[in-house]
C-alpha atoms as a PDB file:
ATOM      1  CA  MET A   1       5.292  -9.599   9.312  1.00  0.00           C
ATOM      2  CA  PRO A   2       6.187 -10.739   5.753  1.00  0.00           C
ATOM      3  CA  GLY A   3       2.474 -11.115   4.978  1.00  0.00           C
ATOM      4  CA  LEU A   4       1.896  -7.498   5.982  1.00  0.00           C
ATOM      5  CA  VAL A   5       4.559  -6.259   3.595  1.00  0.00           C
ATOM      6  CA  ARG A   6       3.455  -8.530   0.777  1.00  0.00           C
ATOM      7  CA  GLY A   7      -0.259  -7.815   0.970  1.00  0.00           C
ATOM      8  CA  ASP A   8      -0.614  -4.506   2.813  1.00  0.00           C
ATOM      9  CA  ARG A   9       1.852  -1.895   1.599  1.00  0.00           C
ATOM     10  CA  PRO A  10      -0.092   1.014   3.134  1.00  0.00           C
ATOM     11  CA  GLY A  11      -0.006  -0.834   6.459  1.00  0.00           C
ATOM     12  CA  ALA A  12       3.661  -1.679   6.085  1.00  0.00           C
ATOM     13  CA  ALA A  13       4.471   1.947   5.307  1.00  0.00           C
ATOM     14  CA  ARG A  14       3.298   2.914   8.807  1.00  0.00           C
ATOM     15  CA  LEU A  15       5.719   0.553  10.569  1.00  0.00           C
ATOM     16  CA  PRO A  16       7.932   2.296  13.125  1.00  0.00           C
ATOM     17  CA  ALA A  17      11.607   2.352  12.276  1.00  0.00           C
ATOM     18  CA  ALA A  18      12.392  -0.580  14.583  1.00  0.00           C
ATOM     19  CA  GLY A  19       9.656  -2.757  13.087  1.00  0.00           C
ATOM     20  CA  GLY A  20      10.590  -1.729   9.581  1.00  0.00           C
ATOM     21  CA  ASP A  21      14.244  -2.563  10.207  1.00  0.00           C
ATOM     22  CA  ARG A  22      13.272  -6.089  11.306  1.00  0.00           C
ATOM     23  CA  VAL A  23      11.272  -6.642   8.124  1.00  0.00           C
ATOM     24  CA  LEU A  24      13.770  -4.970   5.833  1.00  0.00           C
ATOM     25  CA  GLY A  25      16.722  -6.692   7.477  1.00  0.00           C
ATOM     26  CA  GLY A  26      15.723 -10.191   6.400  1.00  0.00           C
ATOM     27  CA  PRO A  27      15.254 -11.950   3.109  1.00  0.00           C
ATOM     28  CA  LEU A  28      12.125 -11.077   1.158  1.00  0.00           C
ATOM     29  CA  PRO A  29      10.352 -13.894  -0.675  1.00  0.00           C
ATOM     30  CA  ALA A  30       9.770 -13.745  -4.426  1.00  0.00           C
ATOM     31  CA  HIS A  31       6.207 -14.599  -5.381  1.00  0.00           C
ATOM     32  CA  SER A  32       6.520 -13.561  -9.024  1.00  0.00           C
ATOM     33  CA  PRO A  33       9.240 -12.236 -11.336  1.00  0.00           C
ATOM     34  CA  GLN A  34       8.124  -8.684 -10.397  1.00  0.00           C
ATOM     35  CA  SER A  35       8.383  -9.244  -6.624  1.00  0.00           C
ATOM     36  CA  ILE A  36      10.549  -6.831  -4.701  1.00  0.00           C
ATOM     37  CA  THR A  37      13.161  -8.965  -2.945  1.00  0.00           C
ATOM     38  CA  ARG A  38      15.814  -6.404  -2.011  1.00  0.00           C
ATOM     39  CA  PRO A  39      15.230  -4.654   1.326  1.00  0.00           C
ATOM     40  CA  ALA A  40      16.535  -1.312   0.029  1.00  0.00           C
ATOM     41  CA  GLU A  41      14.082  -1.411  -2.880  1.00  0.00           C
ATOM     42  CA  LEU A  42      11.190  -2.213  -0.531  1.00  0.00           C
ATOM     43  CA  GLY A  43      12.263   0.613   1.781  1.00  0.00           C
ATOM     44  CA  ALA A  44      12.200   3.056  -1.145  1.00  0.00           C
ATOM     45  CA  LEU A  45       8.771   1.764  -2.185  1.00  0.00           C
ATOM     46  CA  LEU A  46       7.375   2.255   1.338  1.00  0.00           C
ATOM     47  CA  ASP A  47       8.773   5.809   1.366  1.00  0.00           C
ATOM     48  CA  GLN A  48       6.896   6.410  -1.901  1.00  0.00           C
ATOM     49  CA  VAL A  49       3.691   5.012  -0.370  1.00  0.00           C
ATOM     50  CA  ARG A  50       4.035   7.461   2.522  1.00  0.00           C
ATOM     51  CA  ARG A  51       4.518  10.373   0.103  1.00  0.00           C
ATOM     52  CA  ASP A  52       1.675   9.391  -2.255  1.00  0.00           C
ATOM     53  CA  GLY A  53      -0.871   8.200   0.309  1.00  0.00           C
ATOM     54  CA  TYR A  54      -1.554   4.999  -1.646  1.00  0.00           C
ATOM     55  CA  ALA A  55       0.279   1.923  -2.903  1.00  0.00           C
ATOM     56  CA  VAL A  56       0.351   0.327  -6.336  1.00  0.00           C
ATOM     57  CA  ASN A  57       1.189  -3.270  -7.194  1.00  0.00           C
ATOM     58  CA  HIS A  58       1.865  -4.513 -10.719  1.00  0.00           C
ATOM     59  CA  GLY A  59       2.300  -8.267 -10.519  1.00  0.00           C
ATOM     60  CA  GLY A  60       4.452  -8.202  -7.387  1.00  0.00           C
ATOM     61  CA  TYR A  61       2.558 -10.958  -5.641  1.00  0.00           C
ATOM     62  CA  ARG A  62       0.907 -12.773  -8.514  1.00  0.00           C
ATOM     63  CA  GLU A  63       1.870 -12.392 -12.144  1.00  0.00           C
ATOM     64  CA  GLY A  64      -0.869 -10.750 -14.207  1.00  0.00           C
ATOM     65  CA  VAL A  65      -2.614  -9.185 -11.194  1.00  0.00           C
ATOM     66  CA  GLY A  66      -2.441  -5.511 -10.264  1.00  0.00           C
ATOM     67  CA  GLY A  67      -3.847  -3.428  -7.509  1.00  0.00           C
ATOM     68  CA  VAL A  68      -4.005  -0.186  -5.630  1.00  0.00           C
ATOM     69  CA  ALA A  69      -4.548   0.288  -1.886  1.00  0.00           C
ATOM     70  CA  ALA A  70      -4.933   3.164   0.559  1.00  0.00           C
ATOM     71  CA  PRO A  71      -4.718   3.350   4.344  1.00  0.00           C
ATOM     72  CA  VAL A  72      -7.728   3.580   6.657  1.00  0.00           C
ATOM     73  CA  ARG A  73      -7.089   5.692   9.768  1.00  0.00           C
ATOM     74  CA  ASP A  74      -8.969   5.846  13.066  1.00  0.00           C
ATOM     75  CA  TYR A  75      -9.791   8.852  15.249  1.00  0.00           C
ATOM     76  CA  THR A  76      -6.163   9.103  16.393  1.00  0.00           C
ATOM     77  CA  GLY A  77      -4.887   9.196  12.818  1.00  0.00           C
ATOM     78  CA  THR A  78      -3.345   5.751  13.209  1.00  0.00           C
ATOM     79  CA  VAL A  79      -3.506   3.397  10.246  1.00  0.00           C
ATOM     80  CA  VAL A  80      -5.751   0.535  11.362  1.00  0.00           C
ATOM     81  CA  ALA A  81      -6.454  -1.123   8.007  1.00  0.00           C
ATOM     82  CA  SER A  82      -6.090  -0.680   4.303  1.00  0.00           C
ATOM     83  CA  LEU A  83      -8.610  -0.765   1.505  1.00  0.00           C
ATOM     84  CA  GLY A  84      -7.445  -2.300  -1.723  1.00  0.00           C
ATOM     85  CA  LEU A  85      -8.545  -3.149  -5.209  1.00  0.00           C
ATOM     86  CA  CYS A  86      -7.058  -6.195  -6.922  1.00  0.00           C
ATOM     87  CA  ILE A  87      -7.786  -6.838 -10.598  1.00  0.00           C
ATOM     88  CA  PRO A  88      -6.265  -8.476 -13.680  1.00  0.00           C
ATOM     89  CA  GLU A  89      -3.457  -6.322 -15.114  1.00  0.00           C
ATOM     90  CA  GLN A  90      -5.188  -5.986 -18.486  1.00  0.00           C
ATOM     91  CA  ARG A  91      -7.978  -4.067 -16.708  1.00  0.00           C
ATOM     92  CA  PHE A  92      -5.491  -1.923 -14.784  1.00  0.00           C
ATOM     93  CA  GLY A  93      -4.026   0.022 -17.682  1.00  0.00           C
ATOM     94  CA  PRO A  94      -3.029   3.686 -17.778  1.00  0.00           C
ATOM     95  CA  ASP A  95      -6.436   4.613 -19.213  1.00  0.00           C
ATOM     96  CA  ARG A  96      -8.148   3.421 -16.000  1.00  0.00           C
ATOM     97  CA  PHE A  97      -5.460   3.784 -13.345  1.00  0.00           C
ATOM     98  CA  GLY A  98      -6.332   7.349 -12.319  1.00  0.00           C
ATOM     99  CA  ALA A  99      -9.996   6.560 -11.748  1.00  0.00           C
ATOM    100  CA  LEU A 100      -9.287   3.292  -9.900  1.00  0.00           C
ATOM    101  CA  ARG A 101      -6.712   5.014  -7.684  1.00  0.00           C
ATOM    102  CA  ASP A 102      -9.032   7.929  -6.945  1.00  0.00           C
ATOM    103  CA  TRP A 103     -11.984   5.670  -6.094  1.00  0.00           C
ATOM    104  CA  THR A 104      -9.823   3.576  -3.764  1.00  0.00           C
ATOM    105  CA  VAL A 105      -8.286   6.588  -1.989  1.00  0.00           C
ATOM    106  CA  GLU A 106     -11.684   8.313  -1.673  1.00  0.00           C
ATOM    107  CA  ALA A 107     -13.338   5.170  -0.267  1.00  0.00           C
ATOM    108  CA  ALA A 108     -10.516   4.708   2.281  1.00  0.00           C
ATOM    109  CA  ALA A 109     -10.852   8.371   3.300  1.00  0.00           C
ATOM    110  CA  ALA A 110     -14.635   7.958   3.713  1.00  0.00           C
ATOM    111  CA  ILE A 111     -14.127   4.922   5.956  1.00  0.00           C
ATOM    112  CA  SER A 112     -11.486   6.855   7.910  1.00  0.00           C
ATOM    113  CA  ALA A 113     -13.918   9.754   8.378  1.00  0.00           C
ATOM    114  CA  ALA A 114     -16.583   7.321   9.637  1.00  0.00           C
ATOM    115  CA  LEU A 115     -14.035   6.153  12.233  1.00  0.00           C
ATOM    116  CA  GLY A 116     -13.366   9.761  13.279  1.00  0.00           C
ATOM    117  CA  GLY A 117     -10.134   9.938  11.321  1.00  0.00           C
ATOM    118  CA  PRO A 118      -9.041  12.363   8.629  1.00  0.00           C
ATOM    119  CA  ALA A 119     -11.448  12.720   5.705  1.00  0.00           C
ATOM    120  CA  ALA A 120      -8.591  13.311   3.284  1.00  0.00           C
ATOM    121  CA  PRO A 121      -5.447  11.310   2.540  1.00  0.00           C
ATOM    122  CA  VAL A 122      -2.546  11.992   4.910  1.00  0.00           C
ATOM    123  CA  LEU A 123       0.650  12.477   2.911  1.00  0.00           C
ATOM    124  CA  ALA A 124       4.214  12.563   4.179  1.00  0.00           C
ATOM    125  CA  GLY A 125       5.853  15.837   3.273  1.00  0.00           C
END
């Protein structure tokens, strides 16, 4: 389960409460100085992922590497995968973030639609 949280925030955000409690109840490894290691902070981040419909990482796993990811849903609406973009932080600046996020979310929605899932991001209200 730690690998899911570390590398697949959209997937981790779909964990049921019981599964999430198991992950958030234990120690979280630090992979870089920006890693989230406090369960409460990770819980808040996963809530944000659910609200936004995508996840952002700025050096949390590897220093100097950023990324954005969005969930892929099947015909039942269940998250079955995530689609992510991982690039050097210097290429992930505010001038490009909006476009990179939009491309990632749109591609994940297109894959979801091909699987019979929703063709638009599903956001938590």
